Every structure is written in structure tokens, then in C-alpha cells.
């Protein structure tokens, strides 16, 4: 059965308290005061969002706009909003993701607004009908938006425990902190038990160079949720000085001078990949700055969430983005907006209802996330599958 591999929950938590925690607790501590027990609760929130990629950012911002007091937890505060894979958000005006971005704007999503900022969307590619981004600039714009938004608090933390208690959710971190909220949004991207496969080697990693979230995956399984493996592949990047632009070679930001080699997938280590690339027309002198790699990670299996992205077995638990089974960043952002909005509604004591049936692409995306067996899911391909 998918997701049947066993996990080991986190070990005993250290008894630590930071200055920020003391401030949140609303008290000062004398030097000789004892440290608090790991289960001493910190402030309660309406919504806790775990993850701060495109899905987590949109979920946090949507919940905050709806009036919820939001805590967003992420493994690395420096990588808020980061798109680690390709820069392509939509392949043209006929691409469903292009219409999805338009619907996101109508729903007050943040991603389309950020694309209007200078230097984030590639204007030359826009003229060709494609949405190609500068990933680092978009990440920084997301980061600034979340950090300056009302009703949102950010913390760098690795979540190691989830527990439903009396209609609320308790969230524990590796440092022994405990946070409480009425609703949770899981938007962990490729972090759940991630393993990076690169050139015949395998190393733990939620994204390249980042630690995975193993204990959280175990927590989700302990709640009776079925998980299954999915692959997220990042294609090679080439030095722009030794390769021409083309339909499959996309500009990947203005700072590094790299081209993203879309769909160029060759087996083997770095040397073997480069040798294969140099057999292609006009790429005989190409130089590879980053080889192809794949993150193999857990996502939620089908049939466990409603079209409002709430877990059927656990009221108040919502899932968005890659963790919910989405294939790409445009879809992840849309699911984050839906999950965050509905979490805020649920935390206010109302039934989740934020799913606008007049938004055809967003509605279809939520429907296939809820029902489609082939994972990950996408709205842009038939038959289904990423």
C-alpha cells in the first residue's frame, strides 16, 4: 500500500526557550527561573500554516485577509516564496495555468500581483504568450509581502508533532515549542520525507540543500492519512554564455546568467548528462551549471480531502500545494489561496465555503485534487497526471 513505509517520530525535545518565546508568553524571566517544560503552550492562533512556498504564502495571506490570526512556520525563513525548480508558470494563452493566474487575480491572490512588479516576469517571454519568472526576485517579493502583512506571524521551525485536542490542533517543533490553532494548513512542498536523487546518488533533502521534514510525515500517517511517493524533477541549467535561447532554454533569472533546460532529461551523473546535452544542435559547447535532479517525497493519496481541501477524517486540517498533489507553482498558489481562505472560515465557526463555482479552472483543480487517483495532478494535461 502506498505510504506503508514506517517512520520514527522525533526523539525527546530539548528544554529550550528563546527571547521571542518569552515575549510571546507575555512575561519576563529572571536568570534563575527554571526553563519551561516543552509542552508549555505559547499563544493560540486561528490558523497555523506549515510551509512558506507559493502555497504556504498564499494560504497565510488569504487567511490573514479573512481576519484570522495566522502563524506561518517554515524550515528556512530565507527561502520564503522560493520556486526551486523551473521558471515557467504558464506555457501560453491556451495553457490552463494562464487562465488560472487570471482567476487568481480575480480572487485577490498575490501571485498575479507580484508578476506585475518590475523585473519579476520576463517581458520578452510574455510577448510570446508565456509566463516566465525571475525566481529569486519573485521569492523576495513574496517574502516582503508576507513579512509586512497584517495578522501574520512568521517563525523558522521544523515541525515534529501534530495532535488534535478538543477541537483544536497542537503543533510541536524540534525546539520543544507548542503552538495551538483552530485550523491547520499543510503546505510543505517537497519536504515530506524528501530524498534528492542526483546522478546516481541519494541524499536526504526536501529541496536541494535543505533538510527534509521526516517527523511531520510520520505524524500525518499516525493520524490515519495515506501518503504515497511522488517525484519532482528539476531539469539541468546551462551557462547562458555558451547556449542560445530557445523554446526549451528559458532565461532563469537575471542574476546568475543561467538557462533552464526544460524537458532535457538525460540519465547518468553530471559528466554523462553534459555529454548528452552536447550532442544536441547548437549545444556542442554548452556548460552545465546545475545537473538534473529529482526530489522523491510524500504527498497525500487521493480521496482524502473535500473540494474545499479539508481532510475528510480531520475537521480543521487542510492541505495545499504539492502536499495535496499539485504539480506546479501556479496550481500550488491557487490551492494555497483556497485552503487558507477555508481554514479562516472554519476557524470562525462556519462551514468552509470558499470555492467560487464561477471560477472554472480553480474549481476544476480542486475537484481533481479531491478525486483523481493519478498523483500528482495538473489541470494542463489530458490524460490526467503531472
Protein backbone atom coordinates (compact mmCIF):
# COMPACT_ATOMS: atom_id res chain seq x y z
CA UNK A 1 0.00 0.00 0.00
CA UNK A 2 1.36 3.48 -0.85
CA UNK A 3 2.83 5.20 2.12
CA UNK A 4 3.22 1.97 4.11
CA UNK A 5 6.87 2.57 4.98
CA UNK A 6 7.48 3.06 8.67
CA UNK A 7 8.73 6.25 10.27
CA UNK A 8 10.28 7.05 13.61
CA UNK A 9 8.80 10.01 15.43
CA UNK A 10 11.09 12.69 16.85
CA UNK A 11 13.10 11.96 19.95
CA UNK A 12 12.86 13.74 23.29
CA UNK A 13 12.56 17.51 22.81
CA UNK A 14 15.21 19.80 24.34
CA UNK A 15 14.04 22.21 27.05
CA UNK A 16 14.75 25.47 25.32
CA UNK A 17 13.17 28.90 25.32
CA UNK A 18 14.10 31.84 23.13
CA UNK A 19 13.68 35.52 23.82
CA UNK A 20 10.92 35.60 21.23
CA UNK A 21 9.06 32.83 23.05
CA UNK A 22 9.32 34.73 26.33
CA UNK A 23 7.89 37.82 24.69
CA UNK A 24 5.03 35.80 23.24
CA UNK A 25 4.32 34.32 26.63
CA UNK A 26 3.85 37.87 27.89
CA UNK A 27 6.27 37.68 30.79
CA UNK A 28 9.91 38.18 31.67
CA UNK A 29 12.16 35.54 33.20
CA UNK A 30 14.74 36.10 35.86
CA UNK A 31 18.13 34.40 35.29
CA UNK A 32 17.47 31.79 37.95
CA UNK A 33 13.94 30.91 36.79
CA UNK A 34 13.57 27.31 35.59
CA UNK A 35 13.10 26.74 31.88
CA UNK A 36 9.54 25.83 30.91
CA UNK A 37 8.53 22.29 30.08
CA UNK A 38 8.39 21.56 26.34
CA UNK A 39 4.60 21.26 26.45
CA UNK A 40 4.06 24.76 27.91
CA UNK A 41 1.68 26.36 25.41
CA UNK A 42 2.51 29.53 23.54
CA UNK A 43 -0.18 31.88 22.16
CA UNK A 44 -3.18 30.47 20.37
CA UNK A 45 -3.83 31.25 16.72
CA UNK A 46 -6.80 30.93 14.40
CA UNK A 47 -4.77 29.28 11.62
CA UNK A 48 -1.30 27.74 11.51
CA UNK A 49 0.26 27.30 8.08
CA UNK A 50 3.16 24.84 7.81
CA UNK A 51 5.33 25.75 4.84
CA UNK A 52 6.08 29.03 3.10
CA UNK A 53 6.45 28.23 -0.57
CA UNK A 54 3.89 29.63 -3.04
CA UNK A 55 1.09 27.55 -1.45
CA UNK A 56 2.03 28.47 2.11
CA UNK A 57 2.40 32.16 1.30
CA UNK A 58 -0.96 32.34 -0.46
CA UNK A 59 -2.62 30.36 2.36
CA UNK A 60 -1.20 32.67 5.03
CA UNK A 61 -2.13 35.83 3.16
CA UNK A 62 -5.65 34.60 2.31
CA UNK A 63 -6.33 33.60 5.91
CA UNK A 64 -4.99 36.94 7.16
CA UNK A 65 -7.18 38.86 4.70
CA UNK A 66 -10.17 36.91 6.03
CA UNK A 67 -9.42 38.22 9.52
CA UNK A 68 -7.64 35.20 11.01
CA UNK A 69 -4.63 35.47 13.33
CA UNK A 70 -2.07 33.39 11.41
CA UNK A 71 1.20 31.69 12.34
CA UNK A 72 3.34 30.57 9.41
CA UNK A 73 6.08 28.04 10.21
CA UNK A 74 8.85 27.30 7.73
CA UNK A 75 12.14 25.43 7.84
CA UNK A 76 14.08 28.38 6.39
CA UNK A 77 12.88 31.99 6.58
CA UNK A 78 15.39 32.96 3.88
CA UNK A 79 13.56 30.81 1.32
CA UNK A 80 10.02 32.15 1.74
CA UNK A 81 8.19 32.01 -1.59
CA UNK A 82 11.05 30.25 -3.34
CA UNK A 83 10.37 28.44 -6.61
CA UNK A 84 13.30 25.98 -6.63
CA UNK A 85 12.53 24.22 -9.92
CA UNK A 86 11.72 25.85 -13.25
CA UNK A 87 10.83 29.47 -14.04
CA UNK A 88 7.85 28.62 -16.29
CA UNK A 89 4.47 29.41 -14.70
CA UNK A 90 2.35 29.16 -17.85
CA UNK A 91 3.18 27.99 -21.34
CA UNK A 92 0.92 30.33 -23.32
CA UNK A 93 -2.56 31.77 -23.51
CA UNK A 94 -4.05 28.33 -24.22
CA UNK A 95 -2.36 26.83 -21.18
CA UNK A 96 -4.96 26.36 -18.38
CA UNK A 97 -2.39 27.80 -15.96
CA UNK A 98 -2.60 31.10 -17.84
CA UNK A 99 -6.36 31.23 -17.16
CA UNK A 100 -5.68 30.04 -13.62
CA UNK A 101 -3.46 33.07 -12.97
CA UNK A 102 -6.22 35.34 -14.27
CA UNK A 103 -8.74 33.74 -11.92
CA UNK A 104 -6.28 34.06 -9.05
CA UNK A 105 -6.14 37.80 -9.66
CA UNK A 106 -9.95 37.98 -9.50
CA UNK A 107 -9.86 36.10 -6.18
CA UNK A 108 -7.31 38.57 -4.72
CA UNK A 109 -4.45 36.12 -4.97
CA UNK A 110 -1.00 37.64 -4.52
CA UNK A 111 0.98 35.81 -7.22
CA UNK A 112 -0.54 37.67 -10.22
CA UNK A 113 0.03 40.99 -8.48
CA UNK A 114 3.69 40.18 -7.86
CA UNK A 115 4.11 39.26 -11.53
CA UNK A 116 3.28 42.88 -12.36
CA UNK A 117 6.30 44.14 -10.43
CA UNK A 118 9.28 45.25 -12.47
CA UNK A 119 11.84 42.55 -13.20
CA UNK A 120 9.79 39.55 -11.95
CA UNK A 121 8.12 38.38 -15.18
CA UNK A 122 10.25 38.16 -18.32
CA UNK A 123 8.77 40.67 -20.77
CA UNK A 124 10.29 39.04 -23.85
CA UNK A 125 8.71 35.72 -22.97
CA UNK A 126 5.40 37.46 -22.15
CA UNK A 127 5.32 38.73 -25.73
CA UNK A 128 5.43 35.09 -26.82
CA UNK A 129 2.47 34.30 -24.54
CA UNK A 130 4.46 32.56 -21.82
CA UNK A 131 4.82 33.48 -18.14
CA UNK A 132 8.50 33.08 -17.25
CA UNK A 133 9.74 34.47 -13.93
CA UNK A 134 12.90 35.54 -12.18
CA UNK A 135 12.60 33.05 -9.33
CA UNK A 136 14.76 34.88 -6.82
CA UNK A 137 13.05 38.22 -7.34
CA UNK A 138 9.64 36.59 -7.03
CA UNK A 139 10.74 34.89 -3.82
CA UNK A 140 11.91 38.18 -2.32
CA UNK A 141 8.65 39.85 -3.32
CA UNK A 142 6.64 37.05 -1.68
CA UNK A 143 8.85 37.33 1.41
CA UNK A 144 8.31 41.06 1.75
CA UNK A 145 4.55 40.70 1.24
CA UNK A 146 4.16 38.04 3.92
CA UNK A 147 6.50 39.75 6.39
CA UNK A 148 4.64 43.06 6.17
CA UNK A 149 1.09 41.66 6.09
CA UNK A 150 -1.27 42.27 8.99
CA UNK A 151 -2.24 39.39 11.30
CA UNK A 152 0.58 37.08 10.14
CA UNK A 153 3.48 35.94 12.33
CA UNK A 154 6.47 34.09 10.90
CA UNK A 155 8.79 31.66 12.66
CA UNK A 156 11.60 29.44 11.49
CA UNK A 157 10.84 25.98 12.87
CA UNK A 158 10.88 22.30 11.99
CA UNK A 159 7.51 20.78 12.89
CA UNK A 160 7.82 17.41 14.63
CA UNK A 161 4.36 16.84 16.10
CA UNK A 162 0.66 17.30 15.31
CA UNK A 163 -2.16 16.45 17.66
CA UNK A 164 -5.90 17.20 17.56
CA UNK A 165 -7.08 18.18 21.07
CA UNK A 166 -10.64 19.24 21.96
CA UNK A 167 -11.50 20.77 18.61
CA UNK A 168 -8.10 22.44 18.18
CA UNK A 169 -4.70 21.46 16.84
CA UNK A 170 -1.44 21.39 18.79
CA UNK A 171 1.75 21.80 16.77
CA UNK A 172 5.15 20.93 18.26
CA UNK A 173 8.55 21.90 16.91
CA UNK A 174 12.00 20.39 17.25
CA UNK A 175 12.85 23.02 19.88
CA UNK A 176 10.01 21.84 22.10
CA UNK A 177 7.70 24.76 21.32
CA UNK A 178 3.97 24.11 21.28
CA UNK A 179 1.51 26.23 19.30
CA UNK A 180 -2.26 25.88 19.19
CA UNK A 181 -4.76 26.80 16.46
CA UNK A 182 -8.28 26.02 15.44
CA UNK A 183 -7.19 25.07 11.91
CA UNK A 184 -4.02 23.91 10.15
CA UNK A 185 -2.87 24.18 6.55
CA UNK A 186 -0.20 21.69 5.43
CA UNK A 187 1.72 23.31 2.56
CA UNK A 188 5.08 21.59 2.81
CA UNK A 189 6.02 21.32 -0.86
CA UNK A 190 8.54 18.53 -1.44
CA UNK A 191 9.73 18.48 2.19
CA UNK A 192 7.78 15.43 3.45
CA UNK A 193 10.37 12.65 3.82
CA UNK A 194 12.19 14.11 0.82
CA UNK A 195 15.18 12.40 -0.79
CA UNK A 196 17.25 14.08 -3.51
CA UNK A 197 18.28 11.77 -6.36
CA UNK A 198 21.13 13.22 -8.41
CA UNK A 199 23.49 11.41 -10.76
CA UNK A 200 23.06 8.01 -9.13
CA UNK A 201 23.37 9.35 -5.58
CA UNK A 202 20.62 9.71 -2.96
CA UNK A 203 20.69 12.12 -0.04
CA UNK A 204 18.02 13.34 2.41
CA UNK A 205 16.58 16.67 1.31
CA UNK A 206 13.26 18.42 0.92
CA UNK A 207 14.78 20.60 -1.77
CA UNK A 208 18.37 20.77 -2.95
CA UNK A 209 20.43 21.89 0.03
CA UNK A 210 17.54 21.80 2.53
CA UNK A 211 16.66 19.31 5.25
CA UNK A 212 13.52 17.20 4.83
CA UNK A 213 10.55 17.10 7.19
CA UNK A 214 10.51 13.46 8.25
CA UNK A 215 8.69 13.64 11.58
CA UNK A 216 5.80 15.58 10.08
CA UNK A 217 5.27 12.83 7.50
CA UNK A 218 5.15 10.31 10.35
CA UNK A 219 2.62 12.50 12.17
CA UNK A 220 0.32 12.58 9.16
CA UNK A 221 0.44 8.81 8.90
CA UNK A 222 -0.25 8.45 12.61
CA UNK A 223 -3.45 10.45 12.01
CA UNK A 224 -4.54 7.74 9.59
CA UNK A 225 -3.77 9.65 6.39
CA UNK A 226 -2.43 7.64 3.45
CA UNK A 227 0.66 9.02 1.74
CA UNK A 228 2.31 7.99 -1.49
CA UNK A 229 5.60 8.76 -3.23
CA UNK A 230 5.84 11.42 -5.91
CA UNK A 231 8.74 12.72 -7.96
CA UNK A 232 9.56 16.38 -8.53
CA UNK A 233 12.19 16.73 -11.26
CA UNK A 234 14.33 19.80 -11.80
CA UNK A 235 15.90 19.88 -15.25
CA UNK A 236 19.51 20.97 -15.90
CA UNK A 237 20.63 24.58 -16.01
CA UNK A 238 23.15 25.80 -18.56
CA UNK A 239 25.51 28.77 -18.61
CA UNK A 240 23.81 31.40 -20.78
CA UNK A 241 27.16 32.44 -22.27
CA UNK A 242 27.57 29.09 -24.01
CA UNK A 243 24.00 28.28 -25.07
CA UNK A 244 21.39 30.15 -27.17
CA UNK A 245 17.88 30.99 -26.02
CA UNK A 246 15.17 28.77 -27.48
CA UNK A 247 11.75 27.23 -26.79
CA UNK A 248 13.33 24.71 -24.40
CA UNK A 249 16.03 27.00 -22.97
CA UNK A 250 14.36 29.56 -20.73
CA UNK A 251 16.07 32.53 -19.06
CA UNK A 252 16.34 31.64 -15.38
CA UNK A 253 16.75 34.99 -13.67
CA UNK A 254 18.87 38.00 -14.38
CA UNK A 255 21.44 37.49 -11.64
CA UNK A 256 23.03 34.12 -12.38
CA UNK A 257 23.08 34.09 -16.17
CA UNK A 258 21.56 30.60 -16.36
CA UNK A 259 19.17 28.97 -18.80
CA UNK A 260 16.68 26.35 -17.64
CA UNK A 261 16.80 23.35 -20.00
CA UNK A 262 13.09 22.48 -19.99
CA UNK A 263 12.39 18.77 -20.63
CA UNK A 264 16.07 17.93 -21.26
CA UNK A 265 16.24 14.76 -19.21
CA UNK A 266 19.30 12.54 -19.61
CA UNK A 267 20.41 9.71 -17.32
CA UNK A 268 23.69 9.40 -15.50
CA UNK A 269 25.97 11.61 -13.47
CA UNK A 270 26.93 15.20 -14.26
CA UNK A 271 29.53 14.20 -16.85
CA UNK A 272 27.13 11.84 -18.64
CA UNK A 273 24.35 14.44 -18.68
CA UNK A 274 26.67 17.09 -20.10
CA UNK A 275 27.94 14.73 -22.78
CA UNK A 276 24.35 14.01 -23.87
CA UNK A 277 23.45 17.70 -23.93
CA UNK A 278 26.44 18.48 -26.13
CA UNK A 279 25.11 16.11 -28.81
CA UNK A 280 22.15 18.45 -29.38
CA UNK A 281 22.16 21.11 -32.12
CA UNK A 282 23.86 24.39 -31.09
CA UNK A 283 24.76 22.97 -27.68
CA UNK A 284 28.10 21.37 -28.55
CA UNK A 285 29.91 23.97 -26.37
CA UNK A 286 27.32 24.08 -23.58
CA UNK A 287 28.37 24.14 -19.95
CA UNK A 288 26.07 22.79 -17.26
CA UNK A 289 25.88 24.90 -14.09
CA UNK A 290 23.45 22.52 -12.34
CA UNK A 291 22.62 18.93 -13.32
CA UNK A 292 19.21 17.34 -13.39
CA UNK A 293 17.94 16.08 -10.03
CA UNK A 294 14.73 14.66 -8.65
CA UNK A 295 13.21 15.01 -5.19
CA UNK A 296 11.28 11.89 -4.25
CA UNK A 297 8.85 12.75 -1.48
CA UNK A 298 5.46 12.00 0.08
CA UNK A 299 2.14 13.55 -0.93
CA UNK A 300 -1.42 12.87 0.20
CA UNK A 301 -3.10 10.00 -1.63
CA UNK A 302 -6.39 10.61 -3.41
CA UNK A 303 -9.84 10.57 -1.85
CA UNK A 304 -8.91 12.13 1.50
CA UNK A 305 -9.88 15.79 1.07
CA UNK A 306 -13.03 17.59 0.02
CA UNK A 307 -13.13 20.11 -2.81
CA UNK A 308 -12.59 22.71 -0.08
CA UNK A 309 -9.24 20.95 0.60
CA UNK A 310 -10.22 19.92 4.14
CA UNK A 311 -9.31 16.41 5.27
CA UNK A 312 -12.44 14.28 5.47
CA UNK A 313 -11.31 12.48 8.63
CA UNK A 314 -9.98 15.54 10.45
CA UNK A 315 -12.02 18.75 10.52
CA UNK A 316 -9.81 21.79 10.62
CA UNK A 317 -6.92 20.15 8.78
CA UNK A 318 -6.40 21.49 5.26
CA UNK A 319 -3.79 20.51 2.66
CA UNK A 320 -2.48 22.64 -0.22
CA UNK A 321 0.14 22.78 -2.92
CA UNK A 322 2.48 19.90 -3.61
CA UNK A 323 1.50 18.10 -0.41
CA UNK A 324 -2.08 17.99 -1.72
CA UNK A 325 -0.85 16.58 -5.02
CA UNK A 326 -0.47 19.70 -7.19
CA UNK A 327 2.08 19.60 -9.98
CA UNK A 328 3.41 23.14 -10.38
CA UNK A 329 3.67 26.56 -8.77
CA UNK A 330 0.66 28.21 -10.38
CA UNK A 331 -1.55 25.37 -9.17
CA UNK A 332 0.13 25.35 -5.75
CA UNK A 333 -0.61 29.06 -5.29
CA UNK A 334 -4.27 28.53 -6.22
CA UNK A 335 -4.67 25.65 -3.79
CA UNK A 336 -2.99 27.68 -1.06
CA UNK A 337 -5.49 30.50 -1.53
CA UNK A 338 -8.46 28.09 -1.33
CA UNK A 339 -7.08 26.20 1.69
CA UNK A 340 -6.14 29.36 3.61
CA UNK A 341 -9.48 31.03 2.95
CA UNK A 342 -11.43 27.97 4.04
CA UNK A 343 -9.25 27.48 7.13
CA UNK A 344 -10.05 31.04 8.19
CA UNK A 345 -13.77 30.45 7.62
CA UNK A 346 -13.66 27.20 9.60
CA UNK A 347 -11.73 28.81 12.46
CA UNK A 348 -14.51 31.40 12.73
CA UNK A 349 -17.01 28.61 13.37
CA UNK A 350 -18.54 28.47 9.89
CA UNK A 351 -18.58 25.70 7.30
CA UNK A 352 -15.88 26.13 4.63
CA UNK A 353 -17.45 27.59 1.51
CA UNK A 354 -14.70 29.44 -0.34
CA UNK A 355 -14.92 27.72 -3.70
CA UNK A 356 -16.31 30.02 -6.34
CA UNK A 357 -18.10 27.90 -8.93
CA UNK A 358 -17.85 30.72 -11.49
CA UNK A 359 -14.07 30.26 -11.46
CA UNK A 360 -13.93 27.27 -13.75
CA UNK A 361 -10.21 26.50 -13.68
CA UNK A 362 -9.81 26.86 -9.89
CA UNK A 363 -12.92 24.75 -9.32
CA UNK A 364 -11.70 22.05 -11.68
CA UNK A 365 -8.29 21.99 -9.98
CA UNK A 366 -9.84 21.49 -6.53
CA UNK A 367 -12.10 18.77 -7.89
CA UNK A 368 -9.28 16.74 -9.40
CA UNK A 369 -7.15 17.16 -6.25
CA UNK A 370 -10.07 15.72 -4.27
CA UNK A 371 -10.82 12.78 -6.57
CA UNK A 372 -8.10 11.94 -9.09
CA UNK A 373 -6.17 8.76 -8.39
CA UNK A 374 -3.12 9.51 -10.54
CA UNK A 375 -0.83 11.73 -8.50
CA UNK A 376 0.46 14.42 -8.78
CA UNK A 377 -2.42 16.18 -10.53
CA UNK A 378 -2.50 19.01 -13.02
CA UNK A 379 -5.12 20.88 -15.00
CA UNK A 380 -2.92 21.27 -18.04
CA UNK A 381 -2.68 17.75 -19.45
CA UNK A 382 -5.00 15.01 -20.64
CA UNK A 383 -4.99 12.20 -19.68
CA UNK A 384 -4.52 13.23 -16.05
CA UNK A 385 -1.14 13.18 -14.40
CA UNK A 386 1.75 15.56 -13.98
